[in-house]
């Protein structure tokens, strides 16, 4: 059996009905993703997890920073640190991937 919630938008004069959960064995299971606060901005979980994972990827970060120092005086534009940059972000992404999908709704 599904549970329905009726919302009325008085400014628009509209009534909406939303299916928000189901009742099984006397317990109401509510899908929390159906609810949202109008004044609340969504938070990007990936960015929060990246900040917690960056300290775990110190070695690739130092390698990237050392590369940047090495090529600072390059006038030709042939030298780059793309490999080290991608190694660093691959480390961060690998750490984030383990936790991200548990946080998504």
PDB file of N, CA and C in Angstrom:
ATOM      1  N   UNK A   1       0.842  -1.169   0.000  1.00  0.00           N
ATOM      2  CA  UNK A   1       0.000   0.000   0.000  1.00  0.00           C
ATOM      3  C   UNK A   1       0.893   1.240   0.000  1.00  0.00           C
ATOM      4  N   UNK A   2       0.631   2.177  -0.885  1.00  0.00           N
ATOM      5  CA  UNK A   2       1.403   3.405  -0.983  1.00  0.00           C
ATOM      6  C   UNK A   2       0.793   4.496  -0.128  1.00  0.00           C
ATOM      7  N   UNK A   3       1.652   5.363   0.400  1.00  0.00           N
ATOM      8  CA  UNK A   3       1.226   6.507   1.182  1.00  0.00           C
ATOM      9  C   UNK A   3       1.406   7.748   0.306  1.00  0.00           C
ATOM     10  N   UNK A   4       0.377   8.578   0.283  1.00  0.00           N
ATOM     11  CA  UNK A   4       0.408   9.778  -0.555  1.00  0.00           C
ATOM     12  C   UNK A   4       0.345  11.011   0.323  1.00  0.00           C
ATOM     13  N   UNK A   5       1.054  12.058  -0.102  1.00  0.00           N
ATOM     14  CA  UNK A   5       1.040  13.341   0.597  1.00  0.00           C
ATOM     15  C   UNK A   5       0.521  14.374  -0.377  1.00  0.00           C
ATOM     16  N   UNK A   6      -0.416  15.166   0.099  1.00  0.00           N
ATOM     17  CA  UNK A   6      -0.988  16.206  -0.754  1.00  0.00           C
ATOM     18  C   UNK A   6      -0.398  17.546  -0.348  1.00  0.00           C
ATOM     19  N   UNK A   7       0.106  18.291  -1.344  1.00  0.00           N
ATOM     20  CA  UNK A   7       0.661  19.614  -1.108  1.00  0.00           C
ATOM     21  C   UNK A   7      -0.189  20.634  -1.843  1.00  0.00           C
ATOM     22  N   UNK A   8      -0.368  21.776  -1.203  1.00  0.00           N
ATOM     23  CA  UNK A   8      -1.129  22.836  -1.856  1.00  0.00           C
ATOM     24  C   UNK A   8      -0.252  24.072  -1.974  1.00  0.00           C
ATOM     25  N   UNK A   9      -0.111  24.571  -3.175  1.00  0.00           N
ATOM     26  CA  UNK A   9       0.624  25.803  -3.434  1.00  0.00           C
ATOM     27  C   UNK A   9      -0.410  26.913  -3.544  1.00  0.00           C
ATOM     28  N   UNK A  10      -0.558  27.681  -2.469  1.00  0.00           N
ATOM     29  CA  UNK A  10      -1.600  28.705  -2.444  1.00  0.00           C
ATOM     30  C   UNK A  10      -1.314  29.848  -3.415  1.00  0.00           C
ATOM     31  N   UNK A  11      -0.045  30.118  -3.679  1.00  0.00           N
ATOM     32  CA  UNK A  11       0.299  31.192  -4.616  1.00  0.00           C
ATOM     33  C   UNK A  11      -0.158  30.844  -6.024  1.00  0.00           C
ATOM     34  N   UNK A  12      -0.030  29.574  -6.395  1.00  0.00           N
ATOM     35  CA  UNK A  12      -0.427  29.143  -7.737  1.00  0.00           C
ATOM     36  C   UNK A  12      -1.838  28.583  -7.770  1.00  0.00           C
ATOM     37  N   UNK A  13      -2.388  28.286  -6.597  1.00  0.00           N
ATOM     38  CA  UNK A  13      -3.717  27.693  -6.534  1.00  0.00           C
ATOM     39  C   UNK A  13      -3.738  26.265  -7.043  1.00  0.00           C
ATOM     40  N   UNK A  14      -2.640  25.544  -6.812  1.00  0.00           N
ATOM     41  CA  UNK A  14      -2.506  24.189  -7.350  1.00  0.00           C
ATOM     42  C   UNK A  14      -2.328  23.202  -6.203  1.00  0.00           C
ATOM     43  N   UNK A  15      -2.985  22.055  -6.330  1.00  0.00           N
ATOM     44  CA  UNK A  15      -2.784  20.958  -5.386  1.00  0.00           C
ATOM     45  C   UNK A  15      -2.030  19.859  -6.101  1.00  0.00           C
ATOM     46  N   UNK A  16      -1.014  19.319  -5.441  1.00  0.00           N
ATOM     47  CA  UNK A  16      -0.243  18.221  -6.012  1.00  0.00           C
ATOM     48  C   UNK A  16      -0.243  17.058  -5.030  1.00  0.00           C
ATOM     49  N   UNK A  17      -0.291  15.869  -5.554  1.00  0.00           N
ATOM     50  CA  UNK A  17      -0.229  14.671  -4.729  1.00  0.00           C
ATOM     51  C   UNK A  17       1.032  13.906  -5.102  1.00  0.00           C
ATOM     52  N   UNK A  18       1.813  13.526  -4.074  1.00  0.00           N
ATOM     53  CA  UNK A  18       3.067  12.815  -4.293  1.00  0.00           C
ATOM     54  C   UNK A  18       3.037  11.480  -3.557  1.00  0.00           C
ATOM     55  N   UNK A  19       3.513  10.462  -4.222  1.00  0.00           N
ATOM     56  CA  UNK A  19       3.677   9.162  -3.576  1.00  0.00           C
ATOM     57  C   UNK A  19       5.014   9.198  -2.858  1.00  0.00           C
ATOM     58  N   UNK A  20       5.016   9.039  -1.532  1.00  0.00           N
ATOM     59  CA  UNK A  20       6.242   9.206  -0.756  1.00  0.00           C
ATOM     60  C   UNK A  20       6.735   7.938  -0.073  1.00  0.00           C
ATOM     61  N   UNK A  21       5.984   6.909  -0.027  1.00  0.00           N
ATOM     62  CA  UNK A  21       6.462   5.715   0.658  1.00  0.00           C
ATOM     63  C   UNK A  21       5.437   4.608   0.618  1.00  0.00           C
ATOM     64  N   UNK A  22       5.804   3.490   1.177  1.00  0.00           N
ATOM     65  CA  UNK A  22       4.856   2.383   1.214  1.00  0.00           C
ATOM     66  C   UNK A  22       4.812   1.811   2.623  1.00  0.00           C
ATOM     67  N   UNK A  23       3.721   1.170   2.921  1.00  0.00           N
ATOM     68  CA  UNK A  23       3.519   0.614   4.248  1.00  0.00           C
ATOM     69  C   UNK A  23       3.543  -0.902   4.128  1.00  0.00           C
ATOM     70  N   UNK A  24       4.485  -1.501   4.818  1.00  0.00           N
ATOM     71  CA  UNK A  24       4.601  -2.964   4.817  1.00  0.00           C
ATOM     72  C   UNK A  24       4.703  -3.438   6.265  1.00  0.00           C
ATOM     73  N   UNK A  25       3.983  -4.417   6.585  1.00  0.00           N
ATOM     74  CA  UNK A  25       4.004  -5.027   7.919  1.00  0.00           C
ATOM     75  C   UNK A  25       3.843  -3.995   9.029  1.00  0.00           C
ATOM     76  N   UNK A  26       2.997  -3.015   8.791  1.00  0.00           N
ATOM     77  CA  UNK A  26       2.727  -2.014   9.814  1.00  0.00           C
ATOM     78  C   UNK A  26       3.804  -0.947   9.947  1.00  0.00           C
ATOM     79  N   UNK A  27       4.845  -1.004   9.099  1.00  0.00           N
ATOM     80  CA  UNK A  27       5.929  -0.022   9.172  1.00  0.00           C
ATOM     81  C   UNK A  27       5.865   0.852   7.931  1.00  0.00           C
ATOM     82  N   UNK A  28       5.914   2.149   8.140  1.00  0.00           N
ATOM     83  CA  UNK A  28       5.880   3.078   7.025  1.00  0.00           C
ATOM     84  C   UNK A  28       7.304   3.322   6.533  1.00  0.00           C
ATOM     85  N   UNK A  29       7.572   2.978   5.281  1.00  0.00           N
ATOM     86  CA  UNK A  29       8.868   3.218   4.662  1.00  0.00           C
ATOM     87  C   UNK A  29       8.741   4.486   3.828  1.00  0.00           C
ATOM     88  N   UNK A  30       9.492   5.498   4.181  1.00  0.00           N
ATOM     89  CA  UNK A  30       9.400   6.781   3.483  1.00  0.00           C
ATOM     90  C   UNK A  30      10.646   6.984   2.645  1.00  0.00           C
ATOM     91  N   UNK A  31      10.457   7.379   1.411  1.00  0.00           N
ATOM     92  CA  UNK A  31      11.567   7.710   0.531  1.00  0.00           C
ATOM     93  C   UNK A  31      11.944   9.152   0.810  1.00  0.00           C
ATOM     94  N   UNK A  32      13.041   9.356   1.526  1.00  0.00           N
ATOM     95  CA  UNK A  32      13.420  10.703   1.934  1.00  0.00           C
ATOM     96  C   UNK A  32      13.779  11.581   0.747  1.00  0.00           C
ATOM     97  N   UNK A  33      14.147  10.992  -0.371  1.00  0.00           N
ATOM     98  CA  UNK A  33      14.485  11.806  -1.533  1.00  0.00           C
ATOM     99  C   UNK A  33      13.252  12.525  -2.082  1.00  0.00           C
ATOM    100  N   UNK A  34      12.057  12.145  -1.632  1.00  0.00           N
ATOM    101  CA  UNK A  34      10.843  12.804  -2.085  1.00  0.00           C
ATOM    102  C   UNK A  34      10.657  14.156  -1.412  1.00  0.00           C
ATOM    103  N   UNK A  35      11.338  14.357  -0.282  1.00  0.00           N
ATOM    104  CA  UNK A  35      11.181  15.593   0.452  1.00  0.00           C
ATOM    105  C   UNK A  35      12.359  16.517   0.195  1.00  0.00           C
ATOM    106  N   UNK A  36      12.113  17.787   0.153  1.00  0.00           N
ATOM    107  CA  UNK A  36      13.187  18.763   0.025  1.00  0.00           C
ATOM    108  C   UNK A  36      12.738  20.061   0.683  1.00  0.00           C
ATOM    109  N   UNK A  37      13.701  20.816   1.119  1.00  0.00           N
ATOM    110  CA  UNK A  37      13.421  22.106   1.711  1.00  0.00           C
ATOM    111  C   UNK A  37      13.587  23.150   0.613  1.00  0.00           C
ATOM    112  N   UNK A  38      12.633  24.030   0.487  1.00  0.00           N
ATOM    113  CA  UNK A  38      12.658  25.020  -0.582  1.00  0.00           C
ATOM    114  C   UNK A  38      13.824  25.986  -0.437  1.00  0.00           C
ATOM    115  N   UNK A  39      14.191  26.316   0.792  1.00  0.00           N
ATOM    116  CA  UNK A  39      15.258  27.287   0.999  1.00  0.00           C
ATOM    117  C   UNK A  39      16.621  26.639   1.183  1.00  0.00           C
ATOM    118  N   UNK A  40      16.713  25.346   1.043  1.00  0.00           N
ATOM    119  CA  UNK A  40      17.955  24.622   1.280  1.00  0.00           C
ATOM    120  C   UNK A  40      18.631  24.286  -0.049  1.00  0.00           C
ATOM    121  N   UNK A  41      19.881  24.707  -0.209  1.00  0.00           N
ATOM    122  CA  UNK A  41      20.629  24.413  -1.418  1.00  0.00           C
ATOM    123  C   UNK A  41      21.215  23.005  -1.311  1.00  0.00           C
ATOM    124  N   UNK A  42      21.183  22.250  -2.393  1.00  0.00           N
ATOM    125  CA  UNK A  42      21.802  20.925  -2.361  1.00  0.00           C
ATOM    126  C   UNK A  42      23.321  21.053  -2.245  1.00  0.00           C
ATOM    127  N   UNK A  43      23.925  20.105  -1.551  1.00  0.00           N
ATOM    128  CA  UNK A  43      25.375  20.100  -1.344  1.00  0.00           C
ATOM    129  C   UNK A  43      25.978  19.028  -2.229  1.00  0.00           C
ATOM    130  N   UNK A  44      27.019  19.394  -2.956  1.00  0.00           N
ATOM    131  CA  UNK A  44      27.705  18.445  -3.831  1.00  0.00           C
ATOM    132  C   UNK A  44      28.561  17.513  -2.977  1.00  0.00           C
ATOM    133  N   UNK A  45      28.121  16.276  -2.844  1.00  0.00           N
ATOM    134  CA  UNK A  45      28.819  15.301  -2.011  1.00  0.00           C
ATOM    135  C   UNK A  45      30.203  14.969  -2.550  1.00  0.00           C
ATOM    136  N   UNK A  46      30.365  15.010  -3.860  1.00  0.00           N
ATOM    137  CA  UNK A  46      31.654  14.676  -4.458  1.00  0.00           C
ATOM    138  C   UNK A  46      32.724  15.666  -4.012  1.00  0.00           C
ATOM    139  N   UNK A  47      32.403  16.936  -3.996  1.00  0.00           N
ATOM    140  CA  UNK A  47      33.382  17.940  -3.565  1.00  0.00           C
ATOM    141  C   UNK A  47      33.769  17.751  -2.101  1.00  0.00           C
ATOM    142  N   UNK A  48      32.807  17.429  -1.260  1.00  0.00           N
ATOM    143  CA  UNK A  48      33.111  17.191   0.153  1.00  0.00           C
ATOM    144  C   UNK A  48      34.020  15.977   0.314  1.00  0.00           C
ATOM    145  N   UNK A  49      33.739  14.914  -0.422  1.00  0.00           N
ATOM    146  CA  UNK A  49      34.558  13.713  -0.339  1.00  0.00           C
ATOM    147  C   UNK A  49      35.949  13.941  -0.914  1.00  0.00           C
ATOM    148  N   UNK A  50      36.063  14.762  -1.963  1.00  0.00           N
ATOM    149  CA  UNK A  50      37.377  15.071  -2.519  1.00  0.00           C
ATOM    150  C   UNK A  50      38.260  15.730  -1.475  1.00  0.00           C
ATOM    151  N   UNK A  51      37.687  16.626  -0.696  1.00  0.00           N
ATOM    152  CA  UNK A  51      38.469  17.312   0.339  1.00  0.00           C
ATOM    153  C   UNK A  51      38.961  16.333   1.402  1.00  0.00           C
ATOM    154  N   UNK A  52      38.179  15.306   1.705  1.00  0.00           N
ATOM    155  CA  UNK A  52      38.625  14.318   2.696  1.00  0.00           C
ATOM    156  C   UNK A  52      39.632  13.350   2.106  1.00  0.00           C
ATOM    157  N   UNK A  53      39.618  13.175   0.790  1.00  0.00           N
ATOM    158  CA  UNK A  53      40.529  12.229   0.144  1.00  0.00           C
ATOM    159  C   UNK A  53      41.866  12.846  -0.252  1.00  0.00           C
ATOM    160  N   UNK A  54      41.921  14.138  -0.432  1.00  0.00           N
ATOM    161  CA  UNK A  54      43.169  14.786  -0.863  1.00  0.00           C
ATOM    162  C   UNK A  54      44.346  14.499   0.063  1.00  0.00           C
ATOM    163  N   UNK A  55      44.179  14.499   1.391  1.00  0.00           N
ATOM    164  CA  UNK A  55      45.315  14.186   2.257  1.00  0.00           C
ATOM    165  C   UNK A  55      45.850  12.752   2.074  1.00  0.00           C
ATOM    166  N   UNK A  56      45.059  11.876   1.530  1.00  0.00           N
ATOM    167  CA  UNK A  56      45.500  10.496   1.309  1.00  0.00           C
ATOM    168  C   UNK A  56      46.322  10.365   0.029  1.00  0.00           C
ATOM    169  N   UNK A  57      46.361  11.416  -0.780  1.00  0.00           N
ATOM    170  CA  UNK A  57      47.060  11.384  -2.066  1.00  0.00           C
ATOM    171  C   UNK A  57      48.229  12.363  -2.073  1.00  0.00           C
ATOM    172  N   UNK A  58      48.971  12.394  -0.994  1.00  0.00           N
ATOM    173  CA  UNK A  58      50.061  13.350  -0.844  1.00  0.00           C
ATOM    174  C   UNK A  58      51.210  13.033  -1.801  1.00  0.00           C
ATOM    175  N   UNK A  59      51.552  11.774  -1.960  1.00  0.00           N
ATOM    176  CA  UNK A  59      52.690  11.414  -2.819  1.00  0.00           C
ATOM    177  C   UNK A  59      52.481  11.889  -4.264  1.00  0.00           C
ATOM    178  N   UNK A  60      51.339  11.585  -4.911  1.00  0.00           N
ATOM    179  CA  UNK A  60      51.154  12.100  -6.271  1.00  0.00           C
ATOM    180  C   UNK A  60      51.110  13.635  -6.326  1.00  0.00           C
ATOM    181  N   UNK A  61      50.613  14.272  -5.278  1.00  0.00           N
ATOM    182  CA  UNK A  61      50.593  15.735  -5.241  1.00  0.00           C
ATOM    183  C   UNK A  61      52.005  16.291  -5.200  1.00  0.00           C
ATOM    184  N   UNK A  62      52.874  15.712  -4.362  1.00  0.00           N
ATOM    185  CA  UNK A  62      54.266  16.172  -4.294  1.00  0.00           C
ATOM    186  C   UNK A  62      54.984  15.953  -5.618  1.00  0.00           C
ATOM    187  N   UNK A  63      54.695  14.832  -6.287  1.00  0.00           N
ATOM    188  CA  UNK A  63      55.300  14.573  -7.591  1.00  0.00           C
ATOM    189  C   UNK A  63      54.859  15.620  -8.605  1.00  0.00           C
ATOM    190  N   UNK A  64      53.601  16.002  -8.567  1.00  0.00           N
ATOM    191  CA  UNK A  64      53.094  17.042  -9.472  1.00  0.00           C
ATOM    192  C   UNK A  64      53.753  18.389  -9.162  1.00  0.00           C
ATOM    193  N   UNK A  65      53.824  18.746  -7.886  1.00  0.00           N
ATOM    194  CA  UNK A  65      54.426  20.022  -7.500  1.00  0.00           C
ATOM    195  C   UNK A  65      55.904  20.078  -7.865  1.00  0.00           C
ATOM    196  N   UNK A  66      56.615  18.953  -7.707  1.00  0.00           N
ATOM    197  CA  UNK A  66      58.029  18.905  -8.090  1.00  0.00           C
ATOM    198  C   UNK A  66      58.183  19.091  -9.597  1.00  0.00           C
ATOM    199  N   UNK A  67      57.294  18.509 -10.371  1.00  0.00           N
ATOM    200  CA  UNK A  67      57.319  18.662 -11.820  1.00  0.00           C
ATOM    201  C   UNK A  67      57.084  20.117 -12.214  1.00  0.00           C
ATOM    202  N   UNK A  68      56.134  20.747 -11.554  1.00  0.00           N
ATOM    203  CA  UNK A  68      55.837  22.153 -11.858  1.00  0.00           C
ATOM    204  C   UNK A  68      57.064  23.016 -11.594  1.00  0.00           C
ATOM    205  N   UNK A  69      57.771  22.760 -10.489  1.00  0.00           N
ATOM    206  CA  UNK A  69      58.988  23.518 -10.189  1.00  0.00           C
ATOM    207  C   UNK A  69      60.064  23.285 -11.248  1.00  0.00           C
ATOM    208  N   UNK A  70      60.187  22.019 -11.705  1.00  0.00           N
ATOM    209  CA  UNK A  70      61.206  21.689 -12.700  1.00  0.00           C
ATOM    210  C   UNK A  70      60.998  22.433 -14.007  1.00  0.00           C
ATOM    211  N   UNK A  71      59.761  22.627 -14.411  1.00  0.00           N
ATOM    212  CA  UNK A  71      59.503  23.191 -15.739  1.00  0.00           C
ATOM    213  C   UNK A  71      59.147  24.677 -15.710  1.00  0.00           C
ATOM    214  N   UNK A  72      59.269  25.320 -14.574  1.00  0.00           N
ATOM    215  CA  UNK A  72      58.898  26.733 -14.478  1.00  0.00           C
ATOM    216  C   UNK A  72      59.646  27.613 -15.473  1.00  0.00           C
ATOM    217  N   UNK A  73      60.898  27.336 -15.737  1.00  0.00           N
ATOM    218  CA  UNK A  73      61.686  28.175 -16.631  1.00  0.00           C
ATOM    219  C   UNK A  73      61.592  27.781 -18.093  1.00  0.00           C
ATOM    220  N   UNK A  74      60.721  26.850 -18.436  1.00  0.00           N
ATOM    221  CA  UNK A  74      60.612  26.381 -19.822  1.00  0.00           C
ATOM    222  C   UNK A  74      59.967  27.454 -20.690  1.00  0.00           C
ATOM    223  N   UNK A  75      60.729  27.946 -21.644  1.00  0.00           N
ATOM    224  CA  UNK A  75      60.234  28.974 -22.560  1.00  0.00           C
ATOM    225  C   UNK A  75      59.607  28.362 -23.815  1.00  0.00           C
ATOM    226  N   UNK A  76      59.924  27.078 -24.086  1.00  0.00           N
ATOM    227  CA  UNK A  76      59.476  26.469 -25.344  1.00  0.00           C
ATOM    228  C   UNK A  76      58.029  26.001 -25.276  1.00  0.00           C
ATOM    229  N   UNK A  77      57.557  25.656 -24.107  1.00  0.00           N
ATOM    230  CA  UNK A  77      56.196  25.150 -23.972  1.00  0.00           C
ATOM    231  C   UNK A  77      56.060  23.673 -24.258  1.00  0.00           C
ATOM    232  N   UNK A  78      57.207  22.998 -24.454  1.00  0.00           N
ATOM    233  CA  UNK A  78      57.171  21.566 -24.754  1.00  0.00           C
ATOM    234  C   UNK A  78      57.053  20.701 -23.501  1.00  0.00           C
ATOM    235  N   UNK A  79      57.521  21.213 -22.380  1.00  0.00           N
ATOM    236  CA  UNK A  79      57.479  20.431 -21.141  1.00  0.00           C
ATOM    237  C   UNK A  79      56.134  20.646 -20.454  1.00  0.00           C
ATOM    238  N   UNK A  80      55.646  19.586 -19.836  1.00  0.00           N
ATOM    239  CA  UNK A  80      54.369  19.686 -19.128  1.00  0.00           C
ATOM    240  C   UNK A  80      54.321  18.661 -18.003  1.00  0.00           C
ATOM    241  N   UNK A  81      53.345  18.806 -17.147  1.00  0.00           N
ATOM    242  CA  UNK A  81      53.167  17.902 -16.004  1.00  0.00           C
ATOM    243  C   UNK A  81      51.806  17.225 -16.061  1.00  0.00           C
ATOM    244  N   UNK A  82      51.306  17.002 -17.239  1.00  0.00           N
ATOM    245  CA  UNK A  82      49.972  16.424 -17.407  1.00  0.00           C
ATOM    246  C   UNK A  82      49.870  15.049 -16.766  1.00  0.00           C
ATOM    247  N   UNK A  83      50.894  14.220 -16.938  1.00  0.00           N
ATOM    248  CA  UNK A  83      50.867  12.871 -16.363  1.00  0.00           C
ATOM    249  C   UNK A  83      50.763  12.892 -14.853  1.00  0.00           C
ATOM    250  N   UNK A  84      51.562  13.740 -14.218  1.00  0.00           N
ATOM    251  CA  UNK A  84      51.546  13.839 -12.760  1.00  0.00           C
ATOM    252  C   UNK A  84      50.221  14.423 -12.270  1.00  0.00           C
ATOM    253  N   UNK A  85      49.690  15.376 -13.033  1.00  0.00           N
ATOM    254  CA  UNK A  85      48.403  15.969 -12.680  1.00  0.00           C
ATOM    255  C   UNK A  85      47.296  14.909 -12.691  1.00  0.00           C
ATOM    256  N   UNK A  86      47.255  14.117 -13.756  1.00  0.00           N
ATOM    257  CA  UNK A  86      46.234  13.075 -13.850  1.00  0.00           C
ATOM    258  C   UNK A  86      46.452  11.965 -12.828  1.00  0.00           C
ATOM    259  N   UNK A  87      47.716  11.667 -12.491  1.00  0.00           N
ATOM    260  CA  UNK A  87      47.985  10.670 -11.444  1.00  0.00           C
ATOM    261  C   UNK A  87      47.409  11.120 -10.105  1.00  0.00           C
ATOM    262  N   UNK A  88      47.573  12.403  -9.802  1.00  0.00           N
ATOM    263  CA  UNK A  88      47.043  12.940  -8.552  1.00  0.00           C
ATOM    264  C   UNK A  88      45.523  12.826  -8.517  1.00  0.00           C
ATOM    265  N   UNK A  89      44.853  13.269  -9.588  1.00  0.00           N
ATOM    266  CA  UNK A  89      43.396  13.235  -9.589  1.00  0.00           C
ATOM    267  C   UNK A  89      42.848  11.818  -9.701  1.00  0.00           C
ATOM    268  N   UNK A  90      43.605  10.909 -10.290  1.00  0.00           N
ATOM    269  CA  UNK A  90      43.174   9.517 -10.315  1.00  0.00           C
ATOM    270  C   UNK A  90      43.168   8.949  -8.896  1.00  0.00           C
ATOM    271  N   UNK A  91      44.171   9.300  -8.109  1.00  0.00           N
ATOM    272  CA  UNK A  91      44.229   8.864  -6.711  1.00  0.00           C
ATOM    273  C   UNK A  91      43.032   9.407  -5.935  1.00  0.00           C
ATOM    274  N   UNK A  92      42.739  10.693  -6.115  1.00  0.00           N
ATOM    275  CA  UNK A  92      41.602  11.311  -5.414  1.00  0.00           C
ATOM    276  C   UNK A  92      40.293  10.654  -5.861  1.00  0.00           C
ATOM    277  N   UNK A  93      40.111  10.492  -7.173  1.00  0.00           N
ATOM    278  CA  UNK A  93      38.877   9.888  -7.694  1.00  0.00           C
ATOM    279  C   UNK A  93      38.688   8.457  -7.215  1.00  0.00           C
ATOM    280  N   UNK A  94      39.775   7.709  -7.137  1.00  0.00           N
ATOM    281  CA  UNK A  94      39.682   6.317  -6.674  1.00  0.00           C
ATOM    282  C   UNK A  94      39.214   6.274  -5.211  1.00  0.00           C
ATOM    283  N   UNK A  95      39.719   7.174  -4.404  1.00  0.00           N
ATOM    284  CA  UNK A  95      39.305   7.257  -3.001  1.00  0.00           C
ATOM    285  C   UNK A  95      37.844   7.679  -2.891  1.00  0.00           C
ATOM    286  N   UNK A  96      37.444   8.671  -3.684  1.00  0.00           N
ATOM    287  CA  UNK A  96      36.075   9.190  -3.645  1.00  0.00           C
ATOM    288  C   UNK A  96      35.076   8.133  -4.112  1.00  0.00           C
ATOM    289  N   UNK A  97      35.443   7.380  -5.136  1.00  0.00           N
ATOM    290  CA  UNK A  97      34.521   6.400  -5.719  1.00  0.00           C
ATOM    291  C   UNK A  97      34.066   5.362  -4.702  1.00  0.00           C
ATOM    292  N   UNK A  98      34.922   5.033  -3.756  1.00  0.00           N
ATOM    293  CA  UNK A  98      34.559   4.033  -2.745  1.00  0.00           C
ATOM    294  C   UNK A  98      33.430   4.512  -1.841  1.00  0.00           C
ATOM    295  N   UNK A  99      33.291   5.833  -1.697  1.00  0.00           N
ATOM    296  CA  UNK A  99      32.333   6.394  -0.741  1.00  0.00           C
ATOM    297  C   UNK A  99      31.170   7.133  -1.386  1.00  0.00           C
ATOM    298  N   UNK A 100      31.340   7.564  -2.615  1.00  0.00           N
ATOM    299  CA  UNK A 100      30.385   8.494  -3.225  1.00  0.00           C
ATOM    300  C   UNK A 100      29.000   7.900  -3.397  1.00  0.00           C
ATOM    301  N   UNK A 101      28.887   6.695  -3.926  1.00  0.00           N
ATOM    302  CA  UNK A 101      27.575   6.162  -4.258  1.00  0.00           C
ATOM    303  C   UNK A 101      26.750   5.813  -3.021  1.00  0.00           C
ATOM    304  N   UNK A 102      27.409   5.663  -1.868  1.00  0.00           N
ATOM    305  CA  UNK A 102      26.663   5.478  -0.632  1.00  0.00           C
ATOM    306  C   UNK A 102      26.010   6.790  -0.191  1.00  0.00           C
ATOM    307  N   UNK A 103      26.562   7.929  -0.614  1.00  0.00           N
ATOM    308  CA  UNK A 103      26.050   9.239  -0.204  1.00  0.00           C
ATOM    309  C   UNK A 103      24.964   9.761  -1.136  1.00  0.00           C
ATOM    310  N   UNK A 104      24.881   9.245  -2.351  1.00  0.00           N
ATOM    311  CA  UNK A 104      23.904   9.749  -3.320  1.00  0.00           C
ATOM    312  C   UNK A 104      22.521   9.213  -3.010  1.00  0.00           C
ATOM    313  N   UNK A 105      21.510   9.994  -3.380  1.00  0.00           N
ATOM    314  CA  UNK A 105      20.126   9.583  -3.152  1.00  0.00           C
ATOM    315  C   UNK A 105      19.551   9.061  -4.432  1.00  0.00           C
TER     316      UNK A 105
END
